[in-house]
Amino acid sequence: VRYLEEHNPPSAEEFAESLVGQLITRLDKHVLGRPVLQQE
């Protein structure tokens, strides 16, 4: 999060898109199903 003005974390949308994309790529590589993705 932004504690200081110069902090620039990814937006929730950017974060989710990046993670889900990587997850699907790896699942498909191993020919696995689609698990529930939990985040905290």
All heavy atoms as atom14 arrays in JSON, in Angstrom:
{
  "sequence": "VRYLEEHNPPSAEEFAESLVGQLITRLDKHVLGRPVLQQE",
  "atom14_mask": [
    [1, 1, 1, 1, 1, 1, 1, 0, 0, 0, 0, 0, 0, 0],
    [1, 1, 1, 1, 1, 1, 1, 1, 1, 1, 1, 0, 0, 0],
    [1, 1, 1, 1, 1, 1, 1, 1, 1, 1, 1, 1, 0, 0],
    [1, 1, 1, 1, 1, 1, 1, 1, 0, 0, 0, 0, 0, 0],
    [1, 1, 1, 1, 1, 1, 1, 1, 1, 0, 0, 0, 0, 0],
    [1, 1, 1, 1, 1, 1, 1, 1, 1, 0, 0, 0, 0, 0],
    [1, 1, 1, 1, 1, 1, 1, 1, 1, 1, 0, 0, 0, 0],
    [1, 1, 1, 1, 1, 1, 1, 1, 0, 0, 0, 0, 0, 0],
    [1, 1, 1, 1, 1, 1, 1, 0, 0, 0, 0, 0, 0, 0],
    [1, 1, 1, 1, 1, 1, 1, 0, 0, 0, 0, 0, 0, 0],
    [1, 1, 1, 1, 1, 1, 0, 0, 0, 0, 0, 0, 0, 0],
    [1, 1, 1, 1, 1, 0, 0, 0, 0, 0, 0, 0, 0, 0],
    [1, 1, 1, 1, 1, 1, 1, 1, 1, 0, 0, 0, 0, 0],
    [1, 1, 1, 1, 1, 1, 1, 1, 1, 0, 0, 0, 0, 0],
    [1, 1, 1, 1, 1, 1, 1, 1, 1, 1, 1, 0, 0, 0],
    [1, 1, 1, 1, 1, 0, 0, 0, 0, 0, 0, 0, 0, 0],
    [1, 1, 1, 1, 1, 1, 1, 1, 1, 0, 0, 0, 0, 0],
    [1, 1, 1, 1, 1, 1, 0, 0, 0, 0, 0, 0, 0, 0],
    [1, 1, 1, 1, 1, 1, 1, 1, 0, 0, 0, 0, 0, 0],
    [1, 1, 1, 1, 1, 1, 1, 0, 0, 0, 0, 0, 0, 0],
    [1, 1, 1, 1, 0, 0, 0, 0, 0, 0, 0, 0, 0, 0],
    [1, 1, 1, 1, 1, 1, 1, 1, 1, 0, 0, 0, 0, 0],
    [1, 1, 1, 1, 1, 1, 1, 1, 0, 0, 0, 0, 0, 0],
    [1, 1, 1, 1, 1, 1, 1, 1, 0, 0, 0, 0, 0, 0],
    [1, 1, 1, 1, 1, 1, 1, 0, 0, 0, 0, 0, 0, 0],
    [1, 1, 1, 1, 1, 1, 1, 1, 1, 1, 1, 0, 0, 0],
    [1, 1, 1, 1, 1, 1, 1, 1, 0, 0, 0, 0, 0, 0],
    [1, 1, 1, 1, 1, 1, 1, 1, 0, 0, 0, 0, 0, 0],
    [1, 1, 1, 1, 1, 1, 1, 1, 1, 0, 0, 0, 0, 0],
    [1, 1, 1, 1, 1, 1, 1, 1, 1, 1, 0, 0, 0, 0],
    [1, 1, 1, 1, 1, 1, 1, 0, 0, 0, 0, 0, 0, 0],
    [1, 1, 1, 1, 1, 1, 1, 1, 0, 0, 0, 0, 0, 0],
    [1, 1, 1, 1, 0, 0, 0, 0, 0, 0, 0, 0, 0, 0],
    [1, 1, 1, 1, 1, 1, 1, 1, 1, 1, 1, 0, 0, 0],
    [1, 1, 1, 1, 1, 1, 1, 0, 0, 0, 0, 0, 0, 0],
    [1, 1, 1, 1, 1, 1, 1, 0, 0, 0, 0, 0, 0, 0],
    [1, 1, 1, 1, 1, 1, 1, 1, 0, 0, 0, 0, 0, 0],
    [1, 1, 1, 1, 1, 1, 1, 1, 1, 0, 0, 0, 0, 0],
    [1, 1, 1, 1, 1, 1, 1, 1, 1, 0, 0, 0, 0, 0],
    [1, 1, 1, 1, 1, 1, 1, 1, 1, 0, 0, 0, 0, 0]
  ],
  "atom14_positions": [
    [[0.85, -1.19, 0.0], [0.0, 0.0, 0.0], [0.89, 1.24, 0.0], [2.1, 1.17, 0.14], [-0.94, 0.03, 1.23], [-1.91, -1.15, 1.18], [-0.14, 0.0, 2.53], [0.0, 0.0, 0.0], [0.0, 0.0, 0.0], [0.0, 0.0, 0.0], [0.0, 0.0, 0.0], [0.0, 0.0, 0.0], [0.0, 0.0, 0.0], [0.0, 0.0, 0.0]],
    [[0.27, 2.41, -0.11], [1.01, 3.68, -0.19], [1.21, 4.27, 1.21], [0.36, 5.01, 1.7], [0.26, 4.67, -1.07], [0.11, 4.24, -2.53], [-0.83, 5.17, -3.25], [-2.17, 5.11, -2.66], [-3.15, 5.95, -2.95], [-2.95, 6.93, -3.81], [-4.33, 5.83, -2.37], [0.0, 0.0, 0.0], [0.0, 0.0, 0.0], [0.0, 0.0, 0.0]],
    [[2.31, 3.95, 1.82], [2.66, 4.62, 3.07], [3.28, 5.98, 2.79], [3.1, 6.93, 3.54], [3.65, 3.76, 3.87], [3.0, 2.58, 4.55], [3.17, 1.29, 4.05], [2.19, 2.75, 5.67], [2.57, 0.21, 4.66], [1.58, 1.67, 6.29], [1.78, 0.39, 5.79], [1.17, -0.68, 6.39], [0.0, 0.0, 0.0], [0.0, 0.0, 0.0]],
    [[4.03, 6.07, 1.7], [4.65, 7.31, 1.28], [4.2, 7.66, -0.13], [3.75, 6.78, -0.89], [6.17, 7.19, 1.33], [6.79, 6.83, 2.69], [8.3, 6.65, 2.54], [6.48, 7.89, 3.73], [0.0, 0.0, 0.0], [0.0, 0.0, 0.0], [0.0, 0.0, 0.0], [0.0, 0.0, 0.0], [0.0, 0.0, 0.0], [0.0, 0.0, 0.0]],
    [[4.34, 8.91, -0.49], [3.89, 9.37, -1.8], [4.56, 8.61, -2.94], [3.95, 8.35, -3.98], [4.15, 10.87, -1.93], [3.57, 11.49, -3.19], [3.76, 13.0, -3.24], [4.22, 13.57, -2.23], [3.47, 13.6, -4.29], [0.0, 0.0, 0.0], [0.0, 0.0, 0.0], [0.0, 0.0, 0.0], [0.0, 0.0, 0.0], [0.0, 0.0, 0.0]],
    [[5.83, 8.23, -2.73], [6.56, 7.55, -3.82], [6.23, 6.07, -3.96], [6.66, 5.42, -4.91], [8.07, 7.72, -3.62], [8.61, 7.16, -2.32], [8.72, 8.21, -1.22], [7.91, 9.17, -1.25], [9.59, 8.07, -0.36], [0.0, 0.0, 0.0], [0.0, 0.0, 0.0], [0.0, 0.0, 0.0], [0.0, 0.0, 0.0], [0.0, 0.0, 0.0]],
    [[5.5, 5.52, -3.0], [5.11, 4.11, -3.12], [4.07, 3.95, -4.23], [3.08, 4.68, -4.27], [4.54, 3.61, -1.8], [5.58, 3.43, -0.72], [5.27, 3.28, 0.62], [6.93, 3.38, -0.8], [6.38, 3.14, 1.31], [7.4, 3.2, 0.48], [0.0, 0.0, 0.0], [0.0, 0.0, 0.0], [0.0, 0.0, 0.0], [0.0, 0.0, 0.0]],
    [[4.29, 2.97, -5.08], [3.39, 2.77, -6.21], [3.11, 1.29, -6.43], [3.59, 0.68, -7.39], [3.99, 3.39, -7.49], [3.04, 3.34, -8.66], [1.82, 3.43, -8.49], [3.58, 3.2, -9.85], [0.0, 0.0, 0.0], [0.0, 0.0, 0.0], [0.0, 0.0, 0.0], [0.0, 0.0, 0.0], [0.0, 0.0, 0.0], [0.0, 0.0, 0.0]],
    [[2.34, 0.67, -5.53], [2.05, -0.75, -5.69], [1.12, -0.99, -6.87], [0.42, -0.07, -7.33], [1.34, -1.1, -4.37], [0.69, 0.18, -3.95], [1.66, 1.27, -4.36], [0.0, 0.0, 0.0], [0.0, 0.0, 0.0], [0.0, 0.0, 0.0], [0.0, 0.0, 0.0], [0.0, 0.0, 0.0], [0.0, 0.0, 0.0], [0.0, 0.0, 0.0]],
    [[1.1, -2.22, -7.39], [0.15, -2.52, -8.46], [-1.28, -2.32, -7.98], [-1.58, -2.5, -6.79], [0.42, -4.0, -8.77], [1.76, -4.29, -8.17], [1.91, -3.39, -7.0], [0.0, 0.0, 0.0], [0.0, 0.0, 0.0], [0.0, 0.0, 0.0], [0.0, 0.0, 0.0], [0.0, 0.0, 0.0], [0.0, 0.0, 0.0], [0.0, 0.0, 0.0]],
    [[-2.16, -1.96, -8.87], [-3.58, -1.88, -8.5], [-4.11, -3.3, -8.29], [-3.49, -4.28, -8.71], [-4.38, -1.21, -9.61], [-4.41, -2.03, -10.77], [0.0, 0.0, 0.0], [0.0, 0.0, 0.0], [0.0, 0.0, 0.0], [0.0, 0.0, 0.0], [0.0, 0.0, 0.0], [0.0, 0.0, 0.0], [0.0, 0.0, 0.0], [0.0, 0.0, 0.0]],
    [[-5.25, -3.4, -7.63], [-5.85, -4.71, -7.4], [-6.12, -5.42, -8.73], [-5.94, -6.64, -8.85], [-7.15, -4.56, -6.6], [0.0, 0.0, 0.0], [0.0, 0.0, 0.0], [0.0, 0.0, 0.0], [0.0, 0.0, 0.0], [0.0, 0.0, 0.0], [0.0, 0.0, 0.0], [0.0, 0.0, 0.0], [0.0, 0.0, 0.0], [0.0, 0.0, 0.0]],
    [[-6.55, -4.64, -9.73], [-6.84, -5.22, -11.05], [-5.57, -5.75, -11.71], [-5.55, -6.85, -12.27], [-7.51, -4.18, -11.94], [-8.91, -3.77, -11.51], [-8.92, -2.82, -10.32], [-7.84, -2.26, -10.0], [-9.99, -2.64, -9.71], [0.0, 0.0, 0.0], [0.0, 0.0, 0.0], [0.0, 0.0, 0.0], [0.0, 0.0, 0.0], [0.0, 0.0, 0.0]],
    [[-4.49, -4.96, -11.65], [-3.21, -5.39, -12.23], [-2.67, -6.62, -11.53], [-2.17, -7.56, -12.15], [-2.2, -4.24, -12.14], [-2.51, -3.05, -13.02], [-1.64, -1.86, -12.7], [-1.11, -1.78, -11.56], [-1.5, -0.99, -13.59], [0.0, 0.0, 0.0], [0.0, 0.0, 0.0], [0.0, 0.0, 0.0], [0.0, 0.0, 0.0], [0.0, 0.0, 0.0]],
    [[-2.77, -6.6, -10.21], [-2.3, -7.7, -9.4], [-3.05, -8.99, -9.75], [-2.45, -10.04, -10.0], [-2.48, -7.35, -7.92], [-1.96, -8.38, -6.95], [-0.61, -8.55, -6.77], [-2.84, -9.14, -6.2], [-0.12, -9.49, -5.86], [-2.37, -10.08, -5.3], [-1.01, -10.25, -5.13], [0.0, 0.0, 0.0], [0.0, 0.0, 0.0], [0.0, 0.0, 0.0]],
    [[-4.38, -8.9, -9.79], [-5.21, -10.07, -10.06], [-4.97, -10.62, -11.46], [-4.84, -11.82, -11.67], [-6.68, -9.72, -9.87], [0.0, 0.0, 0.0], [0.0, 0.0, 0.0], [0.0, 0.0, 0.0], [0.0, 0.0, 0.0], [0.0, 0.0, 0.0], [0.0, 0.0, 0.0], [0.0, 0.0, 0.0], [0.0, 0.0, 0.0], [0.0, 0.0, 0.0]],
    [[-4.9, -9.72, -12.45], [-4.71, -10.15, -13.83], [-3.38, -10.88, -14.0], [-3.29, -11.92, -14.66], [-4.77, -8.94, -14.77], [-4.67, -9.31, -16.24], [-4.83, -8.11, -17.15], [-5.17, -7.03, -16.66], [-4.61, -8.27, -18.37], [0.0, 0.0, 0.0], [0.0, 0.0, 0.0], [0.0, 0.0, 0.0], [0.0, 0.0, 0.0], [0.0, 0.0, 0.0]],
    [[-2.35, -10.35, -13.37], [-1.03, -10.95, -13.47], [-1.0, -12.33, -12.83], [-0.51, -13.3, -13.42], [0.0, -10.04, -12.8], [1.27, -10.64, -12.75], [0.0, 0.0, 0.0], [0.0, 0.0, 0.0], [0.0, 0.0, 0.0], [0.0, 0.0, 0.0], [0.0, 0.0, 0.0], [0.0, 0.0, 0.0], [0.0, 0.0, 0.0], [0.0, 0.0, 0.0]],
    [[-1.56, -12.44, -11.62], [-1.53, -13.71, -10.89], [-2.39, -14.77, -11.55], [-1.97, -15.92, -11.71], [-1.98, -13.49, -9.44], [-0.84, -13.25, -8.43], [-0.05, -12.0, -8.8], [-1.4, -13.14, -7.03], [0.0, 0.0, 0.0], [0.0, 0.0, 0.0], [0.0, 0.0, 0.0], [0.0, 0.0, 0.0], [0.0, 0.0, 0.0], [0.0, 0.0, 0.0]],
    [[-3.6, -14.39, -11.95], [-4.5, -15.37, -12.56], [-3.93, -15.85, -13.89], [-4.01, -17.04, -14.22], [-5.91, -14.78, -12.74], [-6.78, -15.71, -13.57], [-6.56, -14.53, -11.37], [0.0, 0.0, 0.0], [0.0, 0.0, 0.0], [0.0, 0.0, 0.0], [0.0, 0.0, 0.0], [0.0, 0.0, 0.0], [0.0, 0.0, 0.0], [0.0, 0.0, 0.0]],
    [[-3.33, -14.94, -14.65], [-2.73, -15.34, -15.91], [-1.62, -16.36, -15.72], [-1.55, -17.36, -16.44], [0.0, 0.0, 0.0], [0.0, 0.0, 0.0], [0.0, 0.0, 0.0], [0.0, 0.0, 0.0], [0.0, 0.0, 0.0], [0.0, 0.0, 0.0], [0.0, 0.0, 0.0], [0.0, 0.0, 0.0], [0.0, 0.0, 0.0], [0.0, 0.0, 0.0]],
    [[-0.76, -16.11, -14.75], [0.33, -17.04, -14.45], [-0.22, -18.38, -13.94], [0.28, -19.44, -14.31], [1.26, -16.43, -13.4], [2.44, -17.29, -13.01], [3.56, -17.25, -14.04], [3.37, -16.72, -15.15], [4.71, -17.79, -13.71], [0.0, 0.0, 0.0], [0.0, 0.0, 0.0], [0.0, 0.0, 0.0], [0.0, 0.0, 0.0], [0.0, 0.0, 0.0]],
    [[-1.24, -18.31, -13.11], [-1.84, -19.52, -12.56], [-2.41, -20.41, -13.67], [-2.16, -21.62, -13.71], [-2.95, -19.14, -11.57], [-3.67, -20.29, -10.86], [-2.72, -21.0, -9.89], [-4.88, -19.77, -10.1], [0.0, 0.0, 0.0], [0.0, 0.0, 0.0], [0.0, 0.0, 0.0], [0.0, 0.0, 0.0], [0.0, 0.0, 0.0], [0.0, 0.0, 0.0]],
    [[-3.14, -19.82, -14.57], [-3.75, -20.59, -15.66], [-2.67, -21.2, -16.56], [-2.78, -22.37, -16.98], [-4.71, -19.7, -16.47], [-5.94, -19.35, -15.62], [-5.13, -20.38, -17.77], [-6.88, -18.37, -16.28], [0.0, 0.0, 0.0], [0.0, 0.0, 0.0], [0.0, 0.0, 0.0], [0.0, 0.0, 0.0], [0.0, 0.0, 0.0], [0.0, 0.0, 0.0]],
    [[-1.64, -20.42, -16.84], [-0.54, -20.92, -17.68], [0.1, -22.15, -17.06], [0.35, -23.16, -17.75], [0.53, -19.83, -17.88], [-0.06, -18.73, -18.58], [1.72, -20.35, -18.66], [0.0, 0.0, 0.0], [0.0, 0.0, 0.0], [0.0, 0.0, 0.0], [0.0, 0.0, 0.0], [0.0, 0.0, 0.0], [0.0, 0.0, 0.0], [0.0, 0.0, 0.0]],
    [[0.37, -22.1, -15.76], [1.02, -23.22, -15.08], [0.1, -24.42, -14.96], [0.52, -25.58, -15.11], [1.5, -22.78, -13.7], [2.53, -21.67, -13.71], [3.83, -22.09, -14.39], [4.51, -23.15, -13.66], [5.71, -23.63, -13.96], [6.35, -23.13, -15.01], [6.26, -24.59, -13.27], [0.0, 0.0, 0.0], [0.0, 0.0, 0.0], [0.0, 0.0, 0.0]],
    [[-1.19, -24.17, -14.71], [-2.15, -25.27, -14.61], [-2.27, -26.0, -15.95], [-2.29, -27.24, -16.01], [-3.52, -24.75, -14.18], [-3.65, -24.29, -12.72], [-4.97, -23.56, -12.51], [-3.55, -25.48, -11.76], [0.0, 0.0, 0.0], [0.0, 0.0, 0.0], [0.0, 0.0, 0.0], [0.0, 0.0, 0.0], [0.0, 0.0, 0.0], [0.0, 0.0, 0.0]],
    [[-2.35, -25.23, -17.02], [-2.47, -25.83, -18.35], [-1.22, -26.62, -18.72], [-1.3, -27.68, -19.37], [-2.74, -24.75, -19.39], [-4.14, -24.17, -19.29], [-4.98, -24.78, -18.58], [-4.4, -23.11, -19.88], [0.0, 0.0, 0.0], [0.0, 0.0, 0.0], [0.0, 0.0, 0.0], [0.0, 0.0, 0.0], [0.0, 0.0, 0.0], [0.0, 0.0, 0.0]],
    [[-0.07, -26.12, -18.3], [1.18, -26.83, -18.59], [1.17, -28.22, -17.97], [1.65, -29.19, -18.59], [2.37, -26.03, -18.06], [3.71, -26.73, -18.26], [4.87, -25.91, -17.69], [6.19, -26.66, -17.85], [7.33, -25.88, -17.29], [0.0, 0.0, 0.0], [0.0, 0.0, 0.0], [0.0, 0.0, 0.0], [0.0, 0.0, 0.0], [0.0, 0.0, 0.0]],
    [[0.62, -28.34, -16.78], [0.58, -29.62, -16.08], [-0.71, -30.4, -16.33], [-0.93, -31.46, -15.73], [0.75, -29.41, -14.58], [2.14, -29.0, -14.17], [3.19, -29.87, -14.17], [2.64, -27.81, -13.74], [4.29, -29.25, -13.75], [3.99, -28.0, -13.5], [0.0, 0.0, 0.0], [0.0, 0.0, 0.0], [0.0, 0.0, 0.0], [0.0, 0.0, 0.0]],
    [[-1.58, -29.85, -17.2], [-2.87, -30.47, -17.51], [-3.64, -30.73, -16.21], [-4.1, -31.84, -15.91], [-2.7, -31.78, -18.31], [-4.04, -32.19, -18.93], [-1.64, -31.64, -19.38], [0.0, 0.0, 0.0], [0.0, 0.0, 0.0], [0.0, 0.0, 0.0], [0.0, 0.0, 0.0], [0.0, 0.0, 0.0], [0.0, 0.0, 0.0], [0.0, 0.0, 0.0]],
    [[-3.81, -29.67, -15.43], [-4.54, -29.75, -14.17], [-5.85, -28.98, -14.29], [-6.01, -28.12, -15.16], [-3.71, -29.17, -13.03], [-2.42, -29.93, -12.68], [-1.55, -29.09, -11.75], [-2.74, -31.28, -12.06], [0.0, 0.0, 0.0], [0.0, 0.0, 0.0], [0.0, 0.0, 0.0], [0.0, 0.0, 0.0], [0.0, 0.0, 0.0], [0.0, 0.0, 0.0]],
    [[-6.79, -29.3, -13.42], [-8.07, -28.61, -13.41], [-7.95, -27.2, -12.84], [-6.85, -26.69, -12.62], [0.0, 0.0, 0.0], [0.0, 0.0, 0.0], [0.0, 0.0, 0.0], [0.0, 0.0, 0.0], [0.0, 0.0, 0.0], [0.0, 0.0, 0.0], [0.0, 0.0, 0.0], [0.0, 0.0, 0.0], [0.0, 0.0, 0.0], [0.0, 0.0, 0.0]],
    [[-9.07, -26.58, -12.6], [-9.13, -25.21, -12.1], [-9.51, -25.22, -10.62], [-10.69, -25.35, -10.28], [-10.14, -24.37, -12.88], [-9.8, -24.19, -14.35], [-8.64, -23.21, -14.51], [-8.46, -22.81, -15.9], [-7.65, -23.4, -16.76], [-6.94, -24.45, -16.37], [-7.53, -22.96, -17.99], [0.0, 0.0, 0.0], [0.0, 0.0, 0.0], [0.0, 0.0, 0.0]],
    [[-8.55, -25.06, -9.71], [-8.88, -25.01, -8.29], [-9.48, -23.65, -7.92], [-9.41, -22.69, -8.7], [-7.52, -25.19, -7.61], [-6.56, -24.58, -8.59], [-7.11, -24.91, -9.96], [0.0, 0.0, 0.0], [0.0, 0.0, 0.0], [0.0, 0.0, 0.0], [0.0, 0.0, 0.0], [0.0, 0.0, 0.0], [0.0, 0.0, 0.0], [0.0, 0.0, 0.0]],
    [[-10.07, -23.56, -6.74], [-10.49, -22.27, -6.2], [-9.22, -21.51, -5.8], [-8.36, -22.04, -5.12], [-11.4, -22.46, -4.96], [-11.67, -21.12, -4.29], [-12.71, -23.13, -5.37], [0.0, 0.0, 0.0], [0.0, 0.0, 0.0], [0.0, 0.0, 0.0], [0.0, 0.0, 0.0], [0.0, 0.0, 0.0], [0.0, 0.0, 0.0], [0.0, 0.0, 0.0]],
    [[-9.1, -20.27, -6.26], [-7.97, -19.43, -5.9], [-8.37, -18.58, -4.71], [-9.3, -17.78, -4.78], [-7.56, -18.53, -7.07], [-6.5, -17.47, -6.77], [-5.18, -18.13, -6.34], [-6.28, -16.57, -7.98], [0.0, 0.0, 0.0], [0.0, 0.0, 0.0], [0.0, 0.0, 0.0], [0.0, 0.0, 0.0], [0.0, 0.0, 0.0], [0.0, 0.0, 0.0]],
    [[-7.66, -18.75, -3.59], [-7.89, -17.92, -2.42], [-6.75, -16.92, -2.27], [-5.59, -17.24, -2.52], [-7.99, -18.77, -1.15], [-9.26, -19.61, -1.07], [-9.41, -20.27, 0.29], [-8.56, -20.17, 1.17], [-10.53, -20.95, 0.49], [0.0, 0.0, 0.0], [0.0, 0.0, 0.0], [0.0, 0.0, 0.0], [0.0, 0.0, 0.0], [0.0, 0.0, 0.0]],
    [[-7.11, -15.71, -1.85], [-6.12, -14.67, -1.56], [-6.46, -14.01, -0.24], [-7.64, -13.96, 0.16], [-6.1, -13.62, -2.67], [-5.63, -14.16, -4.01], [-5.72, -13.11, -5.1], [-6.75, -12.93, -5.71], [-4.62, -12.4, -5.33], [0.0, 0.0, 0.0], [0.0, 0.0, 0.0], [0.0, 0.0, 0.0], [0.0, 0.0, 0.0], [0.0, 0.0, 0.0]],
    [[-5.44, -13.48, 0.45], [-5.62, -12.92, 1.78], [-5.17, -11.46, 1.85], [-4.22, -11.13, 2.56], [-4.84, -13.75, 2.8], [-5.21, -15.22, 2.82], [-4.23, -16.07, 3.61], [-3.3, -15.51, 4.22], [-4.41, -17.3, 3.62], [0.0, 0.0, 0.0], [0.0, 0.0, 0.0], [0.0, 0.0, 0.0], [0.0, 0.0, 0.0], [0.0, 0.0, 0.0]]
  ]
}
